[in-house]
Amino acid sequence: MLPRRSTKEKIFILMGLTGFALITPFIFLRFFSGDYAVALLDAFISAGMLSLTISVYKTGNTIFASVLLSWIGILGMLVTVYLQGAEQVIWCYPAMILVYYLLQPKHAISINAVATILLFLLLRDKLSDTIMIATLVTIVLTNLLAYIFSFQTLKQNQLLTDLSIKDPLTNTRNRRALDEALQKVISQYQRNQEVTSLILLDIDHFKEINDSHGHKIGDQLLVKVAELISQRIRTTDDLYRIGGEEFVIMPVGASINEARELSEQLRTMIESSPQLSKFKLTISLGVAEYQSGETGEHWLHRADQALYQAKRTGRNKTCVAEND
C-alpha cells in the first residue's frame, strides 16, 4: 500500500520533478553550443533536484531537502549570472520564488536578501544605472509580494491546523490530533524501540457536578483541570481531550513506572488543588505501555480497561494495564 504523503511532500516532489524536466534540456543546449561550464552547472542543478526528490519520496523528510534545494537554486542562479552575464538575471525570479515555497517566509527573505546583495555586486559594472535600479526594484517587489503571500498562507494554514487539532473549550489537542500522535509514536517505536506509555484519565462523578452546578461550571472545571495538568507535565508531553471529561497524556519516552508515578502526581495535585476543593474533584487514571505490534486503537483500549478498573475499584486512583 502506498504511504500517505503530506501536502509538503507532494509539493516538493512536484516541484522537484518539474524543475528536473525543465532544466535538463538546457544541459544539452548548453553543451552543443559550447557552453560547457554552464552545461555542467545545469547538470549539477538537475541532478541535485532529482536526488532530493527521490530522497523525499523515500523518506518523507522535507526539512533538510527544502533547505538544500533552496540553496541549490539560489547558488545556481548566481553562478549562471557570473558565467553567462547580466541577461541571465531573469533566472533570479523563479529561483527566489522557489525559496518561499520551500522555506518559512522569514528564512526565505533572509536568503533572498543575501542573494540580492550578491547579484548587485555581480551586475554593478555590467548594467547601466537605470537598468540596475529597475532590476533591483523588480527584485525587491517580487520578494515583497512573495513574502506577503507566503506569510498570509502560512498564517491561514496554521489557523486551519489549530481548528482541526485543538479542542475549542480547553485549548488542548483533540481526538484527531491524538490519532496522528499515536501513529507517529508507533512509527518511532518501530525504528528505535523507544519505550513509551500513555495515560488516560477521567474526572470522577463529573455528570453529577454538571447536574448540580450546571454546564457552565462544568466547562470551567474542565478548563481548570486542563490548565493544571498542562502546567505540571513537560512541554514535550501533549495533553488531549478526547471526549466529555476524558483526557489523554502522552509522556514521551516514559516507561510504565515513570508514567504511573506521573499519574499519581497528577491525581494528588487535582485532589488537593485549592481551586477545585469546593467541588471535591478527583480523577481516575489508566496507564498503558506500548507493546510491539499493537495498533494505536488497541493501545488506547488497554489504557481504557485500566481506567475502568480504577473506576470500578473506588475511583481517585491509578491502575496499570496488564500486557497481553
Protein backbone atom coordinates (compact mmCIF):
# COMPACT_ATOMS: atom_id res chain seq x y z
CA MET A 1 0.00 0.00 0.00
CA LEU A 2 1.34 3.45 -0.91
CA PRO A 3 2.15 5.67 2.10
CA ARG A 4 0.03 8.73 2.78
CA ARG A 5 2.03 11.80 1.87
CA SER A 6 1.77 15.24 3.41
CA THR A 7 0.97 18.27 1.29
CA LYS A 8 4.56 19.44 1.81
CA GLU A 9 5.90 16.19 0.37
CA LYS A 10 3.58 16.34 -2.63
CA ILE A 11 4.54 19.94 -3.41
CA PHE A 12 8.24 19.20 -3.05
CA ILE A 13 8.06 16.12 -5.30
CA LEU A 14 6.03 18.02 -7.92
CA MET A 15 8.44 20.98 -7.92
CA GLY A 16 11.49 18.72 -7.96
CA LEU A 17 10.28 16.71 -10.93
CA THR A 18 9.11 19.83 -12.78
CA GLY A 19 12.44 21.57 -12.21
CA PHE A 20 14.33 18.48 -13.34
CA ALA A 21 12.22 18.20 -16.51
CA LEU A 22 12.60 21.90 -17.39
CA ILE A 23 16.32 22.28 -16.65
CA THR A 24 17.57 19.01 -18.17
CA PRO A 25 17.07 20.15 -21.81
CA PHE A 26 19.33 23.15 -21.10
CA ILE A 27 22.19 20.74 -20.36
CA PHE A 28 22.19 19.59 -23.97
CA LEU A 29 21.54 23.07 -25.39
CA ARG A 30 24.50 24.49 -23.45
CA PHE A 31 26.72 21.54 -24.31
CA PHE A 32 26.10 21.63 -28.06
CA SER A 33 26.51 25.41 -28.14
CA GLY A 34 29.92 25.09 -26.48
CA ASP A 35 28.95 26.47 -23.05
CA TYR A 36 30.49 23.52 -21.22
CA ALA A 37 30.80 25.24 -17.83
CA VAL A 38 27.14 26.24 -17.80
CA ALA A 39 26.13 22.81 -19.09
CA LEU A 40 27.98 21.27 -16.15
CA LEU A 41 26.25 23.69 -13.78
CA ASP A 42 22.82 22.81 -15.21
CA ALA A 43 23.67 19.13 -14.85
CA PHE A 44 24.58 19.69 -11.20
CA ILE A 45 21.32 21.56 -10.51
CA SER A 46 19.23 18.98 -12.37
CA ALA A 47 20.92 16.06 -10.60
CA GLY A 48 20.51 17.80 -7.25
CA MET A 49 16.79 18.31 -7.82
CA LEU A 50 16.28 14.69 -8.84
CA SER A 51 18.33 13.34 -5.93
CA LEU A 52 16.46 15.42 -3.36
CA THR A 53 13.12 14.48 -4.90
CA ILE A 54 13.98 10.78 -4.65
CA SER A 55 15.12 11.30 -1.05
CA VAL A 56 11.83 12.94 -0.08
CA TYR A 57 9.88 10.24 -1.93
CA LYS A 58 11.66 7.52 0.06
CA THR A 59 11.98 9.13 3.49
CA GLY A 60 9.24 11.75 3.63
CA ASN A 61 11.74 14.18 5.22
CA THR A 62 11.32 17.57 3.54
CA ILE A 63 13.11 19.82 6.04
CA PHE A 64 16.74 19.21 5.06
CA ALA A 65 15.81 18.72 1.40
CA SER A 66 13.96 22.07 1.30
CA VAL A 67 16.93 23.98 2.70
CA LEU A 68 19.36 22.28 0.33
CA LEU A 69 17.17 22.77 -2.73
CA SER A 70 16.73 26.45 -1.87
CA TRP A 71 20.48 26.99 -1.81
CA ILE A 72 20.97 24.93 -4.98
CA GLY A 73 18.51 27.19 -6.78
CA ILE A 74 19.99 30.44 -5.46
CA LEU A 75 23.64 29.50 -5.94
CA GLY A 76 22.89 28.02 -9.35
CA MET A 77 21.29 31.29 -10.41
CA LEU A 78 24.23 33.35 -9.11
CA VAL A 79 26.83 31.18 -10.83
CA THR A 80 24.82 31.32 -14.07
CA VAL A 81 24.83 35.13 -13.94
CA TYR A 82 28.55 35.11 -13.21
CA LEU A 83 29.35 32.79 -16.14
CA GLN A 84 26.82 33.99 -18.71
CA GLY A 85 26.38 37.65 -17.95
CA ALA A 86 23.66 40.10 -16.96
CA GLU A 87 20.99 38.71 -19.29
CA GLN A 88 20.75 35.62 -17.06
CA VAL A 89 19.38 37.72 -14.20
CA ILE A 90 15.91 36.64 -15.35
CA TRP A 91 16.56 33.35 -13.51
CA CYS A 92 16.58 35.16 -10.17
CA TYR A 93 12.78 35.50 -10.15
CA PRO A 94 11.83 31.79 -10.27
CA ALA A 95 14.80 30.95 -8.02
CA MET A 96 13.70 33.41 -5.34
CA ILE A 97 10.03 32.49 -5.52
CA LEU A 98 11.01 28.82 -5.19
CA VAL A 99 12.61 29.63 -1.83
CA TYR A 100 9.29 30.97 -0.50
CA TYR A 101 7.56 27.73 -1.42
CA LEU A 102 10.22 25.65 0.33
CA LEU A 103 11.00 27.63 3.49
CA GLN A 104 9.26 29.77 6.06
CA PRO A 105 8.91 33.42 4.99
CA LYS A 106 11.48 34.79 7.48
CA HIS A 107 14.11 32.31 6.28
CA ALA A 108 13.25 32.83 2.61
CA ILE A 109 13.54 36.60 2.74
CA SER A 110 16.90 36.33 4.55
CA ILE A 111 18.36 34.04 1.88
CA ASN A 112 16.98 36.20 -0.92
CA ALA A 113 18.37 39.36 0.69
CA VAL A 114 21.84 37.83 0.63
CA ALA A 115 21.28 36.73 -2.99
CA THR A 116 20.17 40.26 -3.95
CA ILE A 117 23.33 41.79 -2.48
CA LEU A 118 25.50 39.29 -4.35
CA LEU A 119 23.58 39.97 -7.56
CA PHE A 120 24.22 43.69 -7.17
CA LEU A 121 27.94 43.04 -6.77
CA LEU A 122 27.93 40.86 -9.90
CA LEU A 123 25.93 43.28 -12.04
CA ARG A 124 27.04 46.75 -10.94
CA ASP A 125 29.68 47.02 -13.67
CA LYS A 126 27.59 45.29 -16.35
CA LEU A 127 24.37 47.30 -16.34
CA SER A 128 23.58 50.98 -16.70
CA ASP A 129 22.41 52.79 -13.59
CA THR A 130 18.83 52.93 -14.88
CA ILE A 131 18.67 49.22 -15.69
CA MET A 132 20.43 48.36 -12.42
CA ILE A 133 17.92 50.34 -10.37
CA ALA A 134 14.99 48.86 -12.32
CA THR A 135 16.34 45.35 -11.79
CA LEU A 136 16.76 45.87 -8.04
CA VAL A 137 13.29 47.42 -7.73
CA THR A 138 11.63 44.48 -9.50
CA ILE A 139 13.58 42.01 -7.34
CA VAL A 140 12.51 43.83 -4.16
CA LEU A 141 8.88 44.00 -5.33
CA THR A 142 8.90 40.31 -6.25
CA ASN A 143 10.23 39.42 -2.80
CA LEU A 144 7.80 41.73 -1.04
CA LEU A 145 4.76 40.26 -2.80
CA ALA A 146 6.04 36.70 -2.37
CA TYR A 147 6.69 37.34 1.33
CA ILE A 148 3.20 38.75 1.92
CA PHE A 149 1.57 35.85 0.08
CA SER A 150 3.74 33.27 1.85
CA PHE A 151 3.18 34.83 5.28
CA GLN A 152 -0.59 35.02 4.82
CA THR A 153 -0.72 31.44 3.54
CA LEU A 154 1.35 30.21 6.49
CA LYS A 155 -0.86 32.10 8.93
CA GLN A 156 -4.07 30.73 7.40
CA ASN A 157 -2.69 27.18 7.30
CA GLN A 158 -1.71 27.43 10.96
CA LEU A 159 -5.19 28.68 11.84
CA LEU A 160 -6.83 25.82 9.94
CA THR A 161 -4.46 23.34 11.57
CA ASP A 162 -5.29 24.67 15.03
CA LEU A 163 -9.01 24.46 14.30
CA SER A 164 -8.66 20.86 13.16
CA ILE A 165 -6.50 19.53 16.01
CA LYS A 166 -7.44 21.64 19.05
CA ASP A 167 -10.33 21.37 21.46
CA PRO A 168 -12.06 24.77 21.43
CA LEU A 169 -13.03 24.66 25.12
CA THR A 170 -9.81 23.61 26.86
CA ASN A 171 -7.33 24.56 24.13
CA THR A 172 -5.81 21.10 24.42
CA ARG A 173 -5.40 18.82 21.43
CA ASN A 174 -8.36 16.75 20.27
CA ARG A 175 -9.03 13.15 19.24
CA ARG A 176 -7.90 13.71 15.68
CA ALA A 177 -4.56 15.02 16.92
CA LEU A 178 -4.28 12.01 19.26
CA ASP A 179 -4.78 9.57 16.39
CA GLU A 180 -1.97 11.27 14.47
CA ALA A 181 0.28 11.29 17.55
CA LEU A 182 -0.33 7.60 18.22
CA GLN A 183 0.69 6.73 14.68
CA LYS A 184 3.80 8.89 14.96
CA VAL A 185 4.85 7.33 18.28
CA ILE A 186 4.30 3.82 16.93
CA SER A 187 6.41 4.60 13.85
CA GLN A 188 9.20 5.91 16.10
CA TYR A 189 9.00 2.77 18.22
CA GLN A 190 9.33 0.60 15.13
CA ARG A 191 12.54 2.48 14.21
CA ASN A 192 14.31 2.73 17.57
CA GLN A 193 12.34 0.57 20.05
CA GLU A 194 11.93 3.53 22.42
CA VAL A 195 9.75 2.63 25.40
CA THR A 196 6.70 4.86 25.71
CA SER A 197 3.43 4.95 27.62
CA LEU A 198 0.16 6.83 27.64
CA ILE A 199 -2.15 7.94 30.42
CA LEU A 200 -5.94 8.01 30.10
CA LEU A 201 -7.76 9.98 32.81
CA ASP A 202 -11.35 10.74 33.63
CA ILE A 203 -12.90 13.23 36.07
CA ASP A 204 -14.83 11.32 38.74
CA HIS A 205 -18.58 11.97 39.12
CA PHE A 206 -18.45 14.71 36.51
CA LYS A 207 -22.05 14.13 35.43
CA GLU A 208 -23.25 14.79 38.98
CA ILE A 209 -21.23 18.01 39.07
CA ASN A 210 -22.81 19.12 35.80
CA ASP A 211 -26.29 18.26 37.08
CA SER A 212 -25.74 20.02 40.42
CA HIS A 213 -23.88 23.15 39.33
CA GLY A 214 -24.75 23.49 35.65
CA HIS A 215 -22.83 23.03 32.43
CA LYS A 216 -21.17 26.43 32.66
CA ILE A 217 -19.44 25.45 35.90
CA GLY A 218 -18.67 22.06 34.39
CA ASP A 219 -16.96 23.71 31.44
CA GLN A 220 -14.96 25.95 33.77
CA LEU A 221 -13.80 22.90 35.73
CA LEU A 222 -12.71 21.17 32.52
CA VAL A 223 -10.67 24.23 31.58
CA LYS A 224 -9.09 24.43 35.06
CA VAL A 225 -8.20 20.72 35.12
CA ALA A 226 -6.61 21.04 31.67
CA GLU A 227 -4.64 24.11 32.81
CA LEU A 228 -3.34 22.38 35.95
CA ILE A 229 -2.27 19.28 34.05
CA SER A 230 -0.63 21.32 31.28
CA GLN A 231 1.37 23.26 33.86
CA ARG A 232 2.56 20.03 35.52
CA ILE A 233 3.60 17.94 32.51
CA ARG A 234 6.66 18.61 30.36
CA THR A 235 6.41 20.84 27.30
CA THR A 236 7.16 17.77 25.17
CA ASP A 237 4.20 15.87 26.66
CA ASP A 238 0.96 16.72 24.89
CA LEU A 239 -2.47 16.74 26.52
CA TYR A 240 -5.54 15.63 24.57
CA ARG A 241 -9.24 15.92 25.35
CA ILE A 242 -10.91 13.02 23.61
CA GLY A 243 -14.47 13.46 24.76
CA GLY A 244 -16.52 14.81 27.66
CA GLU A 245 -14.34 14.63 30.76
CA GLU A 246 -11.73 12.23 29.34
CA PHE A 247 -8.15 13.28 28.66
CA VAL A 248 -5.04 11.53 27.36
CA ILE A 249 -1.44 12.41 28.20
CA MET A 250 1.46 11.23 26.04
CA PRO A 251 4.63 11.38 28.20
CA VAL A 252 7.32 10.98 25.57
CA GLY A 253 9.81 8.19 26.30
CA ALA A 254 8.24 7.32 29.67
CA SER A 255 8.35 3.75 30.97
CA ILE A 256 5.32 2.24 32.67
CA ASN A 257 6.76 3.06 36.11
CA GLU A 258 7.52 6.66 35.15
CA ALA A 259 4.03 7.09 33.68
CA ARG A 260 2.45 5.60 36.82
CA GLU A 261 4.47 7.98 39.01
CA LEU A 262 3.36 10.94 36.89
CA SER A 263 -0.24 9.74 37.12
CA GLU A 264 -0.08 9.65 40.90
CA GLN A 265 1.40 13.14 40.99
CA LEU A 266 -1.43 14.43 38.79
CA ARG A 267 -4.07 12.63 40.85
CA THR A 268 -2.73 14.10 44.10
CA MET A 269 -2.43 17.55 42.54
CA ILE A 270 -6.06 17.60 41.39
CA GLU A 271 -7.37 16.20 44.67
CA SER A 272 -5.51 18.78 46.78
CA SER A 273 -5.93 21.79 44.48
CA PRO A 274 -7.38 24.78 46.40
CA GLN A 275 -9.04 25.95 43.18
CA LEU A 276 -11.05 22.72 42.97
CA SER A 277 -11.59 21.97 46.66
CA LYS A 278 -15.13 23.38 46.66
CA PHE A 279 -16.20 20.61 44.29
CA LYS A 280 -14.12 17.82 45.89
CA LEU A 281 -12.88 17.00 42.41
CA THR A 282 -10.87 13.82 41.85
CA ILE A 283 -9.65 11.90 38.82
CA SER A 284 -9.11 8.26 37.95
CA LEU A 285 -6.30 7.19 35.64
CA GLY A 286 -5.32 4.23 33.49
CA VAL A 287 -1.75 3.72 32.31
CA ALA A 288 -0.57 1.50 29.43
CA GLU A 289 2.88 0.94 27.97
CA TYR A 290 3.10 0.38 24.23
CA GLN A 291 3.55 -3.24 23.19
CA SER A 292 5.32 -4.16 19.98
CA GLY A 293 2.94 -4.84 17.13
CA GLU A 294 -0.23 -3.38 18.61
CA THR A 295 -2.25 -0.65 16.96
CA GLY A 296 -2.90 2.74 18.47
CA GLU A 297 -6.54 1.79 18.97
CA HIS A 298 -5.58 -1.36 20.90
CA TRP A 299 -3.05 0.56 23.00
CA LEU A 300 -5.70 3.11 23.93
CA HIS A 301 -8.17 0.29 24.63
CA ARG A 302 -5.80 -1.27 27.19
CA ALA A 303 -5.46 2.10 28.92
CA ASP A 304 -9.25 2.38 28.92
CA GLN A 305 -9.53 -1.03 30.58
CA ALA A 306 -7.11 0.10 33.28
CA LEU A 307 -9.16 3.28 33.75
CA TYR A 308 -12.32 1.20 34.05
CA GLN A 309 -10.63 -0.87 36.76
CA ALA A 310 -9.74 2.31 38.65
CA LYS A 311 -13.36 3.46 38.42
CA ARG A 312 -14.75 0.08 39.43
CA THR A 313 -12.50 -0.26 42.47
CA GLY A 314 -13.27 3.05 44.12
CA ARG A 315 -12.15 5.92 41.85
CA ASN A 316 -9.48 8.53 42.67
CA LYS A 317 -6.72 6.05 41.89
CA THR A 318 -4.30 4.91 39.19
CA CYS A 319 -4.39 1.46 37.63
CA VAL A 320 -1.87 -0.02 35.20
CA ALA A 321 -2.87 -2.09 32.17
CA GLU A 322 -1.54 -5.62 32.02
CA ASN A 323 0.43 -6.69 28.98
CA ASP A 324 -1.37 -9.10 26.67
